[in-house]
């Protein structure tokens, strides 16, 4: 198989090729490492690459008998976002102040290894994962492979760039306000934020950002995401999500909602609205019942997420060995978080019940919700992360449609929807009921089959 085609095959196909003996794990790792050597100096997706360990692990997989190759992610090179511990390595959080190397893998990393994954490296994040772009004074600018003058978004921007450019089979991200879905949307990927606590956060991120945070995946295909979820999720029937993709779902009620949450101060561009309309048409042609009905976010949604975000950044910064070395805007956000009184934070957590009740009224009329995921195209790298903290916080609202689903903890996914007139990826968001990732995955798989996206490759 052509090495470049192999790099872009995605996790599900890569694992199947290794299980079938059509390629070796060593061939896949060698192709991936060559791809990283070629592109990472320009795109800056990885902070560190575990080349020697990956080669050694691949050799061990190739030495296994055929009957010991049933693992879901066998031999797949998986990238880990650099807010998550990998044994023997720093967790830098996009800073120059990370402290010591970590002695153990995070729970999610250990589960991925148990599923046969080869941890290929750690990907860049915005400082303290606080921003929806990926650049820092400590580690430089991570670039979008579709246009290196633009950001891949953040804070999982390194994971997005690595996956979109064929530098891994699938990548781990974390999502506290859209940090998986937003960069996936900007780089032409499927980005899944599962139900809160579906994938264990472990001690490191326990109750991250006061309930906003979840782990998720950035992948080329829906099947890749389903395999990843089977490997990483808390105990479920074996193969639940991957096998469930092939089950029929019948005609669903799909509510199309365009308005962003009140107070987000974003305006949807015509091309991003067209992306939603395009997917709505596909769903209608597939036999689903598509209606337009706005979500009742109320003004509480943005206020609720903002309070928890600010307090969460403050909490994370307090864990750093040298917080005084952080960038000015990060220190200022942490300072704002320190000003959130405990009673206000507690009230925000209690208000989640009423907020969920309000948002979930949409499911009286629908089984799935279809929304925008980004207001406009990927910003230029020179236009983000500069100026004061207020400007940076306002820039963070570009993906405002993502945030309420973190506040209520329910599953949501970014789904590619073609390209704009500048050749940049556009995407939509699918949102589901509590604990119902399966419906989102099945519906996204239908969209993927009707309007494929995975064969598109950036010219990087």
Protein backbone atom coordinates (compact mmCIF):
# COMPACT_ATOMS: atom_id res chain seq x y z
CA UNK A 1 0.00 0.00 0.00
CA UNK A 2 1.24 3.49 -0.80
CA UNK A 3 2.72 4.97 2.42
CA UNK A 4 0.79 8.23 2.09
CA UNK A 5 -2.48 6.38 1.49
CA UNK A 6 -1.69 4.31 4.57
CA UNK A 7 -1.19 7.44 6.68
CA UNK A 8 -4.57 8.79 5.57
CA UNK A 9 -6.43 5.49 5.93
CA UNK A 10 -7.66 6.32 9.44
CA UNK A 11 -7.59 4.23 12.60
CA UNK A 12 -10.27 1.66 11.70
CA UNK A 13 -8.76 0.75 8.36
CA UNK A 14 -5.19 0.85 9.69
CA UNK A 15 -6.04 -1.61 12.46
CA UNK A 16 -7.87 -3.88 10.03
CA UNK A 17 -4.94 -3.90 7.60
CA UNK A 18 -2.60 -4.95 10.41
CA UNK A 19 -4.98 -7.64 11.70
CA UNK A 20 -5.33 -9.02 8.16
CA UNK A 21 -1.57 -9.04 7.64
CA UNK A 22 -1.79 -6.73 4.61
CA UNK A 23 0.63 -4.29 6.24
CA UNK A 24 2.84 -4.61 9.29
CA UNK A 25 2.67 -2.37 12.31
CA UNK A 26 6.26 -1.39 11.56
CA UNK A 27 5.32 -0.28 8.04
CA UNK A 28 2.55 1.92 9.43
CA UNK A 29 4.76 3.44 12.11
CA UNK A 30 7.60 4.07 9.65
CA UNK A 31 5.22 5.79 7.24
CA UNK A 32 3.77 7.90 10.05
CA UNK A 33 7.18 8.92 11.37
CA UNK A 34 8.30 9.93 7.88
CA UNK A 35 5.16 12.01 7.55
CA UNK A 36 5.86 13.68 10.89
CA UNK A 37 9.49 14.35 9.93
CA UNK A 38 8.32 15.98 6.72
CA UNK A 39 5.45 18.11 8.02
CA UNK A 40 5.91 18.80 11.71
CA UNK A 41 8.66 21.40 11.22
CA UNK A 42 6.14 23.47 9.21
CA UNK A 43 2.86 22.68 10.96
CA UNK A 44 4.10 22.24 14.54
CA UNK A 45 1.49 19.71 15.63
CA UNK A 46 3.71 17.70 18.00
CA UNK A 47 5.67 18.85 21.00
CA UNK A 48 7.38 15.48 21.34
CA UNK A 49 7.41 12.33 19.20
CA UNK A 50 8.09 8.90 20.71
CA UNK A 51 9.83 7.45 17.67
CA UNK A 52 12.02 4.81 19.34
CA UNK A 53 9.26 3.56 21.62
CA UNK A 54 6.80 3.42 18.72
CA UNK A 55 9.18 1.35 16.58
CA UNK A 56 9.80 -1.02 19.47
CA UNK A 57 6.07 -1.45 20.14
CA UNK A 58 5.37 -2.02 16.46
CA UNK A 59 7.96 -4.80 16.37
CA UNK A 60 6.26 -6.42 19.34
CA UNK A 61 2.88 -6.31 17.59
CA UNK A 62 4.32 -7.82 14.43
CA UNK A 63 5.76 -10.70 16.45
CA UNK A 64 2.33 -11.68 17.78
CA UNK A 65 0.58 -14.77 16.44
CA UNK A 66 -2.41 -14.06 14.20
CA UNK A 67 -4.85 -15.26 16.88
CA UNK A 68 -3.61 -12.54 19.27
CA UNK A 69 -4.49 -9.64 16.98
CA UNK A 70 -8.09 -8.92 17.89
CA UNK A 71 -7.45 -5.58 19.59
CA UNK A 72 -9.55 -2.67 18.33
CA UNK A 73 -6.67 -0.21 17.76
CA UNK A 74 -3.96 -2.74 16.96
CA UNK A 75 -0.83 -0.91 15.83
CA UNK A 76 -2.62 2.40 15.26
CA UNK A 77 -0.48 5.51 15.91
CA UNK A 78 -2.48 7.62 18.36
CA UNK A 79 -1.61 11.21 19.28
CA UNK A 80 -2.18 12.44 22.84
CA UNK A 81 -3.09 16.03 23.64
CA UNK A 82 -0.46 17.59 25.88
CA UNK A 83 -2.82 18.20 28.79
CA UNK A 84 -2.88 14.45 29.47
CA UNK A 85 -0.21 12.40 31.23
CA UNK A 86 2.00 9.91 29.41
CA UNK A 87 4.36 7.96 31.64
CA UNK A 88 7.92 9.27 31.66
CA UNK A 89 7.04 12.51 29.86
CA UNK A 90 6.22 16.09 30.82
CA UNK A 91 2.68 17.32 30.54
CA UNK A 92 3.44 20.82 29.30
CA UNK A 93 -0.08 22.31 28.91
CA UNK A 94 1.38 24.70 26.33
CA UNK A 95 3.58 26.33 28.98
CA UNK A 96 7.22 26.59 29.94
CA UNK A 97 6.21 25.80 33.54
CA UNK A 98 5.09 22.17 33.61
CA UNK A 99 7.13 20.73 36.47
CA UNK A 100 8.40 17.14 36.44
CA UNK A 101 7.85 14.17 34.11
CA UNK A 102 4.79 12.12 35.01
CA UNK A 103 5.30 8.65 36.49
CA UNK A 104 2.15 7.04 35.08
CA UNK A 105 -0.15 7.09 32.09
CA UNK A 106 -3.50 8.79 32.52
CA UNK A 107 -6.36 6.29 32.63
CA UNK A 108 -7.41 7.09 29.06
CA UNK A 109 -3.86 6.58 27.75
CA UNK A 110 -3.59 3.25 29.57
CA UNK A 111 -6.88 2.14 28.01
CA UNK A 112 -5.74 3.11 24.52
CA UNK A 113 -2.53 1.13 24.99
CA UNK A 114 -4.57 -1.87 26.18
CA UNK A 115 -6.57 -1.64 22.96
CA UNK A 116 -3.35 -1.99 20.94
CA UNK A 117 -2.67 1.68 20.21
CA UNK A 118 0.88 2.93 19.77
CA UNK A 119 1.26 6.32 21.44
CA UNK A 120 3.13 8.25 18.77
CA UNK A 121 3.58 11.61 20.52
CA UNK A 122 2.07 14.53 22.41
CA UNK A 123 0.38 17.38 20.56
CA UNK A 124 0.46 21.10 21.17
CA UNK A 125 -2.25 23.02 23.01
CA UNK A 126 -2.93 26.65 23.78
CA UNK A 127 -1.45 27.71 27.08
CA UNK A 128 -3.36 25.97 29.89
CA UNK A 129 -5.85 24.89 27.15
CA UNK A 130 -7.55 28.23 27.80
CA UNK A 131 -7.92 29.48 24.21
CA UNK A 132 -9.54 28.34 20.93
CA UNK A 133 -6.31 28.57 18.97
CA UNK A 134 -3.02 26.72 19.39
CA UNK A 135 -0.01 28.92 19.89
CA UNK A 136 2.14 29.86 22.84
CA UNK A 137 5.35 31.72 23.56
CA UNK A 138 6.81 28.49 24.91
CA UNK A 139 6.09 26.23 21.90
CA UNK A 140 5.28 28.44 18.94
CA UNK A 141 2.39 28.45 16.49
CA UNK A 142 0.52 25.34 15.34
CA UNK A 143 -0.85 25.75 11.83
CA UNK A 144 -3.86 24.51 9.90
CA UNK A 145 -2.79 22.06 7.17
CA UNK A 146 -5.48 23.40 4.82
CA UNK A 147 -3.91 26.86 5.02
CA UNK A 148 -0.80 27.24 7.19
CA UNK A 149 -1.49 30.95 7.59
CA UNK A 150 -4.57 30.02 9.62
CA UNK A 151 -5.10 28.42 13.01
CA UNK A 152 -6.45 24.89 13.39
CA UNK A 153 -8.38 26.17 16.38
CA UNK A 154 -7.90 24.96 19.90
CA UNK A 155 -7.27 23.97 22.40
CA UNK A 156 -6.89 20.54 20.71
CA UNK A 157 -5.29 22.19 17.68
CA UNK A 158 -2.18 20.02 17.66
CA UNK A 159 -4.32 16.89 17.68
CA UNK A 160 -6.45 18.31 14.85
CA UNK A 161 -3.45 19.21 12.69
CA UNK A 162 -1.78 15.84 13.29
CA UNK A 163 -4.91 13.92 12.28
CA UNK A 164 -5.85 16.10 9.32
CA UNK A 165 -2.31 15.93 7.89
CA UNK A 166 -1.98 12.15 8.22
CA UNK A 167 0.51 12.30 11.10
CA UNK A 168 -1.53 9.87 13.24
CA UNK A 169 -4.45 7.50 12.84
CA UNK A 170 -6.64 9.20 15.44
CA UNK A 171 -6.01 11.69 18.26
CA UNK A 172 -7.12 12.30 21.81
CA UNK A 173 -8.52 15.72 22.58
CA UNK A 174 -10.25 17.32 25.53
CA UNK A 175 -13.31 19.54 25.29
CA UNK A 176 -14.30 22.07 27.93
CA UNK A 177 -16.20 24.44 25.62
CA UNK A 178 -15.72 23.11 22.11
CA UNK A 179 -12.01 22.25 22.19
CA UNK A 180 -12.52 18.99 20.26
CA UNK A 181 -15.40 20.04 17.99
CA UNK A 182 -14.10 23.49 17.02
CA UNK A 183 -10.64 22.40 15.77
CA UNK A 184 -12.20 19.35 14.11
CA UNK A 185 -14.54 21.69 12.24
CA UNK A 186 -11.67 23.93 11.12
CA UNK A 187 -9.60 21.02 9.80
CA UNK A 188 -12.17 18.79 8.08
CA UNK A 189 -12.40 16.10 10.77
CA UNK A 190 -15.09 14.28 12.71
CA UNK A 191 -14.84 15.46 16.30
CA UNK A 192 -16.80 13.69 19.02
CA UNK A 193 -17.46 15.06 22.51
CA UNK A 194 -19.05 12.13 24.34
CA UNK A 195 -21.38 12.24 27.29
CA UNK A 196 -19.71 13.62 30.41
CA UNK A 197 -17.75 10.88 32.23
CA UNK A 198 -18.09 8.44 29.32
CA UNK A 199 -14.29 8.49 29.11
CA UNK A 200 -12.65 8.70 32.57
CA UNK A 201 -10.87 11.94 33.34
CA UNK A 202 -8.90 10.34 36.15
CA UNK A 203 -7.30 12.20 39.03
CA UNK A 204 -5.55 14.64 36.73
CA UNK A 205 -8.73 16.22 35.34
CA UNK A 206 -11.30 15.11 37.92
CA UNK A 207 -14.39 17.33 37.56
CA UNK A 208 -12.37 19.38 35.06
CA UNK A 209 -13.48 22.97 34.69
CA UNK A 210 -16.22 22.20 37.21
CA UNK A 211 -17.99 19.68 35.03
CA UNK A 212 -17.44 21.25 31.61
CA UNK A 213 -14.55 19.00 30.54
CA UNK A 214 -14.70 15.70 28.68
CA UNK A 215 -12.21 13.68 26.67
CA UNK A 216 -13.03 13.06 23.02
CA UNK A 217 -11.50 12.12 19.69
CA UNK A 218 -10.52 13.80 16.43
CA UNK A 219 -10.71 11.36 13.55
CA UNK A 220 -10.92 11.03 9.80
CA UNK A 221 -14.03 8.86 9.87
CA UNK A 222 -16.99 8.09 12.11
CA UNK A 223 -15.81 4.47 12.34
CA UNK A 224 -12.48 5.69 13.74
CA UNK A 225 -14.31 7.63 16.46
CA UNK A 226 -16.50 4.64 17.35
CA UNK A 227 -13.45 2.39 17.74
CA UNK A 228 -11.72 5.01 19.85
CA UNK A 229 -14.77 5.31 22.08
CA UNK A 230 -15.00 1.54 22.51
CA UNK A 231 -11.35 1.51 23.57
CA UNK A 232 -11.43 4.51 25.90
CA UNK A 233 -14.91 4.57 27.41
CA UNK A 234 -15.97 3.32 30.80
CA UNK A 235 -17.11 -0.30 30.67
CA UNK A 236 -19.64 -0.96 27.92
CA UNK A 237 -20.47 -4.13 25.99
CA UNK A 238 -17.49 -5.03 23.81
CA UNK A 239 -17.64 -3.25 20.48
CA UNK A 240 -20.84 -1.44 21.39
CA UNK A 241 -20.20 1.72 19.39
CA UNK A 242 -18.31 0.25 16.41
CA UNK A 243 -20.81 -2.58 15.95
CA UNK A 244 -23.73 -0.24 16.51
CA UNK A 245 -22.80 1.86 13.48
CA UNK A 246 -24.21 -0.86 11.24
CA UNK A 247 -27.63 -1.03 12.90
CA UNK A 248 -30.57 0.75 11.24
CA UNK A 249 -31.88 3.89 12.90
CA UNK A 250 -35.09 4.55 10.95
CA UNK A 251 -36.45 8.01 10.29
CA UNK A 252 -35.39 10.54 12.92
CA UNK A 253 -36.77 13.96 13.78
CA UNK A 254 -33.96 16.48 13.23
CA UNK A 255 -34.34 20.02 14.54
CA UNK A 256 -32.24 22.65 12.75
CA UNK A 257 -31.27 25.55 15.03
CA UNK A 258 -29.23 28.49 13.75
CA UNK A 259 -29.26 31.05 16.57
CA UNK A 260 -26.24 31.11 18.89
CA UNK A 261 -26.72 31.36 22.65
CA UNK A 262 -27.77 34.80 23.82
CA UNK A 263 -24.85 37.03 24.75
CA UNK A 264 -22.29 35.23 22.60
CA UNK A 265 -21.96 38.18 20.19
CA UNK A 266 -21.23 36.05 17.13
CA UNK A 267 -22.68 36.34 13.65
CA UNK A 268 -23.00 33.33 11.38
CA UNK A 269 -21.49 33.84 7.93
CA UNK A 270 -23.46 32.91 4.83
CA UNK A 271 -21.14 30.03 3.94
CA UNK A 272 -21.37 28.50 7.42
CA UNK A 273 -25.15 28.78 7.31
CA UNK A 274 -25.10 27.11 3.91
CA UNK A 275 -23.11 24.22 5.43
CA UNK A 276 -25.98 23.57 7.86
CA UNK A 277 -28.58 23.86 5.10
CA UNK A 278 -26.59 21.43 2.97
CA UNK A 279 -26.56 18.78 5.70
CA UNK A 280 -30.24 19.40 6.42
CA UNK A 281 -30.98 18.67 2.76
CA UNK A 282 -28.95 15.45 2.88
CA UNK A 283 -30.87 14.33 5.96
CA UNK A 284 -34.19 15.14 4.32
CA UNK A 285 -33.20 13.10 1.26
CA UNK A 286 -32.26 10.22 3.55
CA UNK A 287 -35.83 10.17 4.83
CA UNK A 288 -35.46 11.99 8.13
CA UNK A 289 -38.00 14.57 9.27
CA UNK A 290 -36.17 17.91 9.25
CA UNK A 291 -37.72 20.95 10.92
CA UNK A 292 -36.37 24.37 11.88
CA UNK A 293 -36.79 25.09 15.58
CA UNK A 294 -34.55 27.19 17.80
CA UNK A 295 -33.06 25.89 21.05
CA UNK A 296 -34.14 27.63 24.23
CA UNK A 297 -30.65 28.32 25.59
CA UNK A 298 -31.77 31.38 27.60
CA UNK A 299 -29.21 33.94 28.76
CA UNK A 300 -28.03 31.50 31.43
CA UNK A 301 -26.04 29.27 29.07
CA UNK A 302 -23.12 31.59 28.33
CA UNK A 303 -23.05 32.96 31.88
CA UNK A 304 -22.99 29.45 33.31
CA UNK A 305 -20.14 28.24 31.12
CA UNK A 306 -18.14 31.44 31.61
CA UNK A 307 -18.24 31.18 35.41
CA UNK A 308 -17.12 27.55 35.34
CA UNK A 309 -14.46 28.19 32.68
CA UNK A 310 -12.86 31.06 34.60
CA UNK A 311 -12.85 29.12 37.86
CA UNK A 312 -11.50 26.07 36.06
CA UNK A 313 -8.56 27.91 34.51
CA UNK A 314 -7.73 29.37 37.92
CA UNK A 315 -7.82 25.87 39.41
CA UNK A 316 -5.54 24.46 36.68
CA UNK A 317 -3.05 27.31 36.94
CA UNK A 318 -2.80 26.70 40.70
CA UNK A 319 -1.42 23.21 39.95
CA UNK A 320 1.52 24.52 37.90
CA UNK A 321 5.03 24.49 39.32
CA UNK A 322 5.82 28.02 38.09
CA UNK A 323 2.57 29.93 37.43
CA UNK A 324 4.50 33.21 37.38
CA UNK A 325 6.04 32.10 34.07
CA UNK A 326 2.69 31.95 32.27
CA UNK A 327 1.71 34.48 29.62
CA UNK A 328 0.00 37.68 30.73
CA UNK A 329 -3.46 36.86 29.36
CA UNK A 330 -3.42 33.41 30.94
CA UNK A 331 -2.49 34.91 34.30
CA UNK A 332 -5.26 37.48 33.91
CA UNK A 333 -7.88 34.83 33.16
CA UNK A 334 -6.71 32.85 36.17
CA UNK A 335 -6.95 36.04 38.21
CA UNK A 336 -10.54 36.54 37.04
CA UNK A 337 -11.23 32.96 38.04
CA UNK A 338 -9.87 33.58 41.51
CA UNK A 339 -12.49 36.31 41.89
CA UNK A 340 -15.39 33.93 41.33
CA UNK A 341 -16.85 33.46 44.84
CA UNK A 342 -17.54 29.92 45.94
CA UNK A 343 -21.26 30.64 46.33
CA UNK A 344 -21.51 31.82 42.71
CA UNK A 345 -19.71 28.74 41.43
CA UNK A 346 -21.95 26.51 43.52
CA UNK A 347 -25.01 28.28 42.16
CA UNK A 348 -23.76 27.78 38.59
CA UNK A 349 -23.40 24.06 39.23
CA UNK A 350 -26.90 23.84 40.70
CA UNK A 351 -28.29 25.82 37.76
CA UNK A 352 -27.16 23.09 35.39
CA UNK A 353 -30.36 21.16 36.12
CA UNK A 354 -32.61 24.01 35.02
CA UNK A 355 -30.36 24.83 32.06
CA UNK A 356 -30.50 21.23 30.87
CA UNK A 357 -34.26 21.20 31.27
CA UNK A 358 -34.56 24.34 29.14
CA UNK A 359 -32.21 23.16 26.38
CA UNK A 360 -33.68 19.67 26.34
CA UNK A 361 -37.13 21.00 25.52
CA UNK A 362 -35.93 20.76 21.91
CA UNK A 363 -36.05 16.97 22.27
CA UNK A 364 -39.81 17.11 22.77
CA UNK A 365 -39.86 17.80 19.03
CA UNK A 366 -36.66 16.13 17.81
CA UNK A 367 -34.36 13.16 18.28
CA UNK A 368 -31.21 15.04 17.18
CA UNK A 369 -30.34 18.72 16.85
CA UNK A 370 -28.37 20.18 13.93
CA UNK A 371 -26.57 23.52 14.51
CA UNK A 372 -23.58 25.48 13.22
CA UNK A 373 -20.32 24.80 14.98
CA UNK A 374 -18.28 27.83 13.92
CA UNK A 375 -19.36 31.31 12.89
CA UNK A 376 -16.73 31.78 10.20
CA UNK A 377 -13.53 30.45 8.65
CA UNK A 378 -10.37 29.60 10.62
CA UNK A 379 -8.82 32.87 11.83
CA UNK A 380 -5.39 33.82 10.60
CA UNK A 381 -2.67 32.96 13.08
CA UNK A 382 -1.65 36.63 13.25
CA UNK A 383 -5.16 37.64 14.33
CA UNK A 384 -5.50 35.51 17.46
CA UNK A 385 -3.84 35.59 20.84
CA UNK A 386 -2.89 39.24 20.62
CA UNK A 387 -4.24 42.22 22.48
CA UNK A 388 -5.83 42.16 25.89
CA UNK A 389 -7.69 39.48 27.74
CA UNK A 390 -11.14 40.90 26.85
CA UNK A 391 -10.44 40.68 23.13
CA UNK A 392 -9.15 37.14 23.55
CA UNK A 393 -12.24 36.11 25.50
CA UNK A 394 -14.50 37.56 22.80
CA UNK A 395 -12.56 35.64 20.14
CA UNK A 396 -13.30 32.52 22.14
CA UNK A 397 -16.98 32.82 21.24
CA UNK A 398 -16.51 31.94 17.56
CA UNK A 399 -17.70 28.42 18.37
CA UNK A 400 -20.41 29.51 20.80
CA UNK A 401 -22.84 26.78 19.64
CA UNK A 402 -20.56 24.22 21.29
CA UNK A 403 -20.51 25.62 24.82
CA UNK A 404 -24.00 24.83 26.16
CA UNK A 405 -23.47 21.10 25.55
CA UNK A 406 -20.48 21.20 27.89
CA UNK A 407 -22.56 22.95 30.53
CA UNK A 408 -25.17 20.17 30.49
CA UNK A 409 -22.69 17.37 29.73
CA UNK A 410 -24.53 15.87 26.75
CA UNK A 411 -22.93 14.42 23.62
CA UNK A 412 -22.23 16.49 20.52
CA UNK A 413 -20.13 16.07 17.39
CA UNK A 414 -18.59 18.18 14.65
CA UNK A 415 -19.38 16.73 11.22
CA UNK A 416 -17.61 17.88 8.01
CA UNK A 417 -19.84 19.50 5.38
CA UNK A 418 -17.58 20.25 2.44
CA UNK A 419 -15.56 23.37 1.73
CA UNK A 420 -16.11 27.08 1.33
CA UNK A 421 -15.16 29.14 -1.72
CA UNK A 422 -11.64 29.58 -0.33
CA UNK A 423 -11.17 25.80 -0.13
CA UNK A 424 -11.37 25.72 3.67
CA UNK A 425 -13.35 23.04 5.53
CA UNK A 426 -16.83 23.80 6.79
CA UNK A 427 -18.75 21.73 9.31
CA UNK A 428 -21.92 21.40 11.38
CA UNK A 429 -22.73 20.18 14.87
CA UNK A 430 -24.99 17.28 15.79
CA UNK A 431 -26.25 17.28 19.40
CA UNK A 432 -28.00 14.47 21.24
CA UNK A 433 -29.92 13.45 24.27
CA UNK A 434 -28.14 12.43 27.43
CA UNK A 435 -26.11 9.21 27.03
CA UNK A 436 -27.04 8.92 23.35
CA UNK A 437 -23.75 9.02 21.46
CA UNK A 438 -24.96 6.05 19.44
CA UNK A 439 -27.64 7.98 17.58
CA UNK A 440 -25.16 10.74 16.76
CA UNK A 441 -22.63 8.22 15.46
CA UNK A 442 -25.19 6.40 13.31
CA UNK A 443 -26.57 9.61 11.86
CA UNK A 444 -23.10 10.99 11.20
CA UNK A 445 -22.22 7.72 9.47
CA UNK A 446 -25.25 8.15 7.21
CA UNK A 447 -24.14 11.68 6.34
CA UNK A 448 -20.59 10.44 5.72
CA UNK A 449 -21.87 7.75 3.35
CA UNK A 450 -24.10 10.17 1.45
CA UNK A 451 -21.54 13.01 1.32
CA UNK A 452 -18.07 11.50 1.96
CA UNK A 453 -15.34 13.69 3.38
CA UNK A 454 -12.47 11.40 4.42
CA UNK A 455 -10.85 11.22 0.97
CA UNK A 456 -10.18 14.97 0.97
CA UNK A 457 -6.59 15.73 1.92
CA UNK A 458 -4.91 19.06 2.63
CA UNK A 459 -2.15 20.08 0.25
CA UNK A 460 0.41 20.63 2.97
